[in-house]
Amino acid sequence: MNNKQVTFRIWRGDATGGKFVDYTTEITEGLVVLDVVHKIQAQQANDLAVRWNCKAGKCGSCSAEVNGMPKLMCMTRMDTLDLSKPITIEPMRAFPLVRDLATDVSWNFRVKTKIKKFNPRKPDCADGTWRMQQEDVDRVQEFRKCIECFLCQDVCHVTRDHHLHDKFIGPRFFVYTAALEMHPLDTEDRLAELKEAHGIGYCNITKCCTKVCPEHITITDNAIIPLKERVVDEFYDPFAWLWKKIRPQG
């Protein structure tokens, strides 16, 4: 890519209102979206509010919407975009706007406190250790890659379009719950909460959350669908219901 002029159409404003403002600047080869935003901030808009930290795709701070798609700005290369048109940069739509590209994501941290914590079984051995099968350990390792960028929360129609934040914990926390529920040592039961308070039934498994995950976690297939299956088995399986009624108690 030779040096060329590009136009960024950046949302400027706060919770009371705002508008898109066009900034034209010259870019060079090898830049990512966050580089260009920083250049505009330094040269044309010193008061532009934008969050970032590591610039390596690991902190999740620079989440925004690039041409309408939730992305990490530090991992979105300029050479993957159509530079003949203005590139639209706006804040995540699923969360309250603070200013410009910065949103208030504190709801996510409040949600996390409502999920039952890890509750391991008693140690298997006298020395206080446990024994686990490697395949059981491997199953939950994928979920630990989450960087809490909340792009999956932003793209989900339940939070983005319907704003059911009070009834739905979102894909990120279904991943978190799956990591606990599928842990080979955990003894806690979270199925009732998943069905009611956490709203897993609102998810219609469109896999949009999986598509935007920068860590390539298979959110829908490996976390949400297995949790849905467990809820169905527990509350809607007629044979399981009948067995609970007729099995000996005590």
Protein backbone atom coordinates (compact mmCIF):
# COMPACT_ATOMS: atom_id res chain seq x y z
CA MET A 1 0.00 0.00 0.00
CA ASN A 2 1.47 3.33 -1.04
CA ASN A 3 0.77 6.49 0.91
CA LYS A 4 -2.82 7.50 0.26
CA GLN A 5 -5.59 9.68 1.61
CA VAL A 6 -8.39 8.04 3.57
CA THR A 7 -11.45 9.44 5.27
CA PHE A 8 -12.58 8.24 8.69
CA ARG A 9 -16.18 9.05 9.61
CA ILE A 10 -16.00 9.00 13.42
CA TRP A 11 -18.90 9.34 15.83
CA ARG A 12 -18.47 12.38 18.09
CA GLY A 13 -20.81 13.06 20.97
CA ASP A 14 -22.14 11.76 24.26
CA ALA A 15 -25.32 10.34 25.75
CA THR A 16 -27.22 13.54 25.00
CA GLY A 17 -26.50 13.42 21.27
CA GLY A 18 -23.84 13.77 18.61
CA LYS A 19 -22.98 13.26 14.97
CA PHE A 20 -20.46 11.71 12.60
CA VAL A 21 -17.48 13.89 11.73
CA ASP A 22 -15.23 13.25 8.72
CA TYR A 23 -11.45 13.33 9.12
CA THR A 24 -9.16 12.90 6.14
CA THR A 25 -5.57 11.86 6.67
CA GLU A 26 -2.69 10.16 4.90
CA ILE A 27 -1.82 6.57 5.76
CA THR A 28 1.15 4.35 5.05
CA GLU A 29 1.55 0.61 4.65
CA GLY A 30 1.09 -1.70 7.63
CA LEU A 31 -1.29 0.41 9.73
CA VAL A 32 -4.29 -0.79 11.69
CA VAL A 33 -7.45 1.19 12.39
CA LEU A 34 -6.28 2.18 15.87
CA ASP A 35 -3.10 3.71 14.38
CA VAL A 36 -5.17 5.99 12.17
CA VAL A 37 -7.53 6.92 15.01
CA HIS A 38 -4.49 7.88 17.11
CA LYS A 39 -3.11 9.97 14.24
CA ILE A 40 -6.40 11.82 13.89
CA GLN A 41 -6.50 12.29 17.67
CA ALA A 42 -2.98 13.74 17.66
CA GLN A 43 -3.32 16.00 14.64
CA GLN A 44 -6.97 16.92 14.20
CA ALA A 45 -9.11 16.00 17.22
CA ASN A 46 -7.17 16.22 20.47
CA ASP A 47 -10.32 15.71 22.55
CA LEU A 48 -11.39 12.47 20.81
CA ALA A 49 -12.26 9.87 23.47
CA VAL A 50 -11.07 6.35 22.67
CA ARG A 51 -10.06 3.43 24.87
CA TRP A 52 -6.98 1.32 24.20
CA ASN A 53 -4.18 -0.32 26.14
CA CYS A 54 -2.06 -3.15 24.78
CA LYS A 55 -2.43 -2.64 21.00
CA ALA A 56 -1.81 -6.37 20.68
CA GLY A 57 -5.32 -7.82 20.66
CA LYS A 58 -5.13 -9.10 24.24
CA CYS A 59 -6.66 -6.46 26.51
CA GLY A 60 -9.99 -5.99 24.73
CA SER A 61 -10.02 -2.24 25.39
CA CYS A 62 -10.27 -0.86 21.85
CA SER A 63 -13.57 -2.51 20.90
CA ALA A 64 -15.63 -0.43 18.48
CA GLU A 65 -17.70 -0.80 15.34
CA VAL A 66 -15.81 -0.52 12.06
CA ASN A 67 -18.14 -0.14 9.10
CA GLY A 68 -20.95 -1.47 11.29
CA MET A 69 -19.10 -4.61 12.43
CA PRO A 70 -17.88 -5.04 16.04
CA LYS A 71 -14.08 -5.32 15.92
CA LEU A 72 -10.90 -4.66 17.86
CA MET A 73 -9.45 -1.57 16.21
CA CYS A 74 -5.90 -2.71 16.96
CA MET A 75 -6.46 -5.96 15.03
CA THR A 76 -8.27 -4.50 12.03
CA ARG A 77 -5.73 -3.90 9.29
CA MET A 78 -6.29 -1.01 6.96
CA ASP A 79 -5.48 -3.13 3.91
CA THR A 80 -8.55 -5.28 4.62
CA LEU A 81 -10.92 -2.31 4.20
CA ASP A 82 -12.28 -0.54 1.13
CA LEU A 83 -10.35 2.73 1.31
CA SER A 84 -12.23 4.30 -1.59
CA LYS A 85 -15.14 5.01 0.76
CA PRO A 86 -15.27 6.73 4.17
CA ILE A 87 -14.53 4.23 6.96
CA THR A 88 -17.15 4.51 9.68
CA ILE A 89 -15.94 4.23 13.28
CA GLU A 90 -18.53 4.28 16.05
CA PRO A 91 -18.91 3.04 19.64
CA MET A 92 -20.44 -0.32 20.54
CA ARG A 93 -24.21 -0.05 20.33
CA ALA A 94 -25.13 -2.51 23.09
CA PHE A 95 -23.81 -0.32 25.92
CA PRO A 96 -24.45 3.23 27.15
CA LEU A 97 -22.34 5.88 25.47
CA VAL A 98 -19.86 7.81 27.59
CA ARG A 99 -18.29 9.96 24.88
CA ASP A 100 -17.19 9.52 21.29
CA LEU A 101 -15.89 5.93 20.97
CA ALA A 102 -15.98 5.11 24.70
CA THR A 103 -18.91 3.17 26.15
CA ASP A 104 -19.86 2.16 29.69
CA VAL A 105 -19.36 -1.62 29.88
CA SER A 106 -19.74 -1.87 33.66
CA TRP A 107 -22.97 -3.87 33.24
CA ASN A 108 -20.83 -6.84 32.23
CA PHE A 109 -18.93 -6.83 35.50
CA ARG A 110 -22.16 -6.64 37.49
CA VAL A 111 -23.51 -9.62 35.56
CA LYS A 112 -20.43 -11.67 36.39
CA THR A 113 -21.05 -11.29 40.12
CA LYS A 114 -24.49 -12.96 39.73
CA ILE A 115 -23.08 -16.25 38.42
CA LYS A 116 -22.43 -18.95 41.01
CA LYS A 117 -18.72 -19.30 41.65
CA PHE A 118 -16.52 -22.35 41.19
CA ASN A 119 -17.33 -24.95 43.84
CA PRO A 120 -14.92 -27.92 43.67
CA ARG A 121 -15.55 -31.37 45.09
CA LYS A 122 -13.47 -32.64 47.97
CA PRO A 123 -9.91 -33.65 47.04
CA ASP A 124 -9.54 -37.18 45.72
CA CYS A 125 -6.29 -37.84 47.48
CA ALA A 126 -4.93 -37.51 50.99
CA ASP A 127 -2.41 -34.90 49.85
CA GLY A 128 -5.26 -32.53 48.86
CA THR A 129 -5.03 -33.05 45.10
CA TRP A 130 -7.53 -34.19 42.47
CA ARG A 131 -7.44 -36.60 39.57
CA MET A 132 -8.91 -35.51 36.22
CA GLN A 133 -9.06 -36.89 32.71
CA GLN A 134 -7.09 -34.83 30.19
CA GLU A 135 -10.04 -34.68 27.78
CA ASP A 136 -12.16 -33.05 30.49
CA VAL A 137 -9.47 -30.46 31.12
CA ASP A 138 -9.08 -29.77 27.39
CA ARG A 139 -12.80 -29.16 26.99
CA VAL A 140 -12.80 -25.99 29.11
CA GLN A 141 -9.39 -24.62 28.12
CA GLU A 142 -10.84 -22.87 25.04
CA PHE A 143 -13.13 -20.75 27.22
CA ARG A 144 -10.20 -19.37 29.20
CA LYS A 145 -8.94 -17.49 26.12
CA CYS A 146 -11.67 -14.84 26.46
CA ILE A 147 -10.20 -11.31 26.78
CA GLU A 148 -13.54 -9.71 27.70
CA CYS A 149 -13.57 -7.35 24.74
CA PHE A 150 -17.39 -7.74 24.82
CA LEU A 151 -17.67 -7.79 21.03
CA CYS A 152 -19.88 -10.87 21.34
CA GLN A 153 -22.10 -8.99 23.77
CA ASP A 154 -22.28 -6.09 21.31
CA VAL A 155 -23.20 -8.11 18.22
CA CYS A 156 -25.87 -10.21 19.97
CA HIS A 157 -29.35 -9.09 18.88
CA VAL A 158 -30.75 -9.63 22.38
CA THR A 159 -28.58 -6.85 23.83
CA ARG A 160 -27.88 -4.82 20.68
CA ASP A 161 -31.42 -4.54 19.30
CA HIS A 162 -33.77 -5.59 22.10
CA HIS A 163 -31.77 -4.26 25.07
CA LEU A 164 -32.81 -7.11 27.38
CA HIS A 165 -29.84 -6.56 29.66
CA ASP A 166 -31.96 -7.20 32.76
CA LYS A 167 -33.02 -10.65 31.52
CA PHE A 168 -30.01 -11.92 29.58
CA ILE A 169 -26.34 -12.33 30.50
CA GLY A 170 -25.05 -12.59 26.93
CA PRO A 171 -22.56 -14.81 25.06
CA ARG A 172 -19.49 -13.81 27.05
CA PHE A 173 -21.08 -15.02 30.28
CA PHE A 174 -22.50 -18.16 28.76
CA VAL A 175 -18.86 -18.93 27.93
CA TYR A 176 -17.91 -18.13 31.53
CA THR A 177 -20.74 -20.31 32.85
CA ALA A 178 -19.80 -23.14 30.50
CA ALA A 179 -16.23 -23.03 31.79
CA LEU A 180 -17.61 -23.60 35.29
CA GLU A 181 -20.37 -26.07 34.43
CA MET A 182 -18.04 -28.26 32.36
CA HIS A 183 -15.13 -28.12 34.77
CA PRO A 184 -14.40 -31.69 35.92
CA LEU A 185 -14.13 -30.64 39.57
CA ASP A 186 -17.12 -28.29 39.85
CA THR A 187 -20.17 -29.41 41.84
CA GLU A 188 -22.40 -26.34 41.59
CA ASP A 189 -25.74 -26.38 39.73
CA ARG A 190 -26.42 -23.30 37.59
CA LEU A 191 -29.15 -24.66 35.31
CA ALA A 192 -32.11 -23.00 37.03
CA GLU A 193 -30.40 -19.62 36.77
CA LEU A 194 -29.53 -20.22 33.12
CA LYS A 195 -33.19 -20.96 32.37
CA GLU A 196 -34.71 -18.06 34.29
CA ALA A 197 -32.51 -15.19 35.49
CA HIS A 198 -29.80 -15.58 32.84
CA GLY A 199 -32.17 -15.95 29.89
CA ILE A 200 -30.41 -18.58 27.79
CA GLY A 201 -33.70 -19.21 26.00
CA TYR A 202 -33.45 -15.82 24.30
CA CYS A 203 -30.43 -17.01 22.30
CA ASN A 204 -31.47 -18.26 18.86
CA ILE A 205 -27.96 -19.57 17.99
CA THR A 206 -27.30 -17.38 14.93
CA LYS A 207 -23.55 -17.73 15.68
CA CYS A 208 -22.93 -13.99 15.22
CA CYS A 209 -21.05 -13.99 18.54
CA THR A 210 -18.70 -16.71 17.31
CA LYS A 211 -18.01 -14.78 14.10
CA VAL A 212 -16.76 -11.63 15.88
CA CYS A 213 -14.67 -13.32 18.59
CA PRO A 214 -11.03 -12.22 18.15
CA GLU A 215 -9.83 -15.27 20.09
CA HIS A 216 -11.78 -17.61 17.80
CA ILE A 217 -13.69 -19.22 20.65
CA THR A 218 -16.45 -21.44 19.27
CA ILE A 219 -18.99 -19.73 21.50
CA THR A 220 -22.20 -21.09 20.03
CA ASP A 221 -21.31 -24.71 19.33
CA ASN A 222 -19.04 -25.40 22.30
CA ALA A 223 -20.60 -23.26 25.04
CA ILE A 224 -24.16 -22.09 24.37
CA ILE A 225 -25.63 -25.16 22.67
CA PRO A 226 -24.31 -27.61 25.31
CA LEU A 227 -25.73 -25.36 28.05
CA LYS A 228 -29.08 -25.22 26.25
CA GLU A 229 -29.06 -29.02 26.01
CA ARG A 230 -28.43 -29.33 29.75
CA VAL A 231 -31.32 -26.96 30.51
CA VAL A 232 -33.63 -28.93 28.21
CA ASP A 233 -32.59 -32.23 29.79
CA GLU A 234 -33.19 -30.85 33.27
CA PHE A 235 -36.49 -29.04 32.78
CA TYR A 236 -38.16 -30.27 29.59
CA ASP A 237 -37.25 -33.95 29.11
CA PRO A 238 -40.52 -35.88 29.87
CA PHE A 239 -38.65 -39.07 30.74
CA ALA A 240 -36.39 -37.26 33.16
CA TRP A 241 -39.44 -35.57 34.72
CA LEU A 242 -41.20 -38.93 35.09
CA TRP A 243 -38.13 -40.52 36.65
CA LYS A 244 -37.91 -37.75 39.24
CA LYS A 245 -41.55 -38.43 40.15
CA ILE A 246 -41.27 -42.18 40.56
CA ARG A 247 -37.73 -42.72 41.81
CA PRO A 248 -37.30 -43.62 45.49
CA GLN A 249 -36.56 -40.65 47.72
CA GLY A 250 -33.88 -40.47 50.38
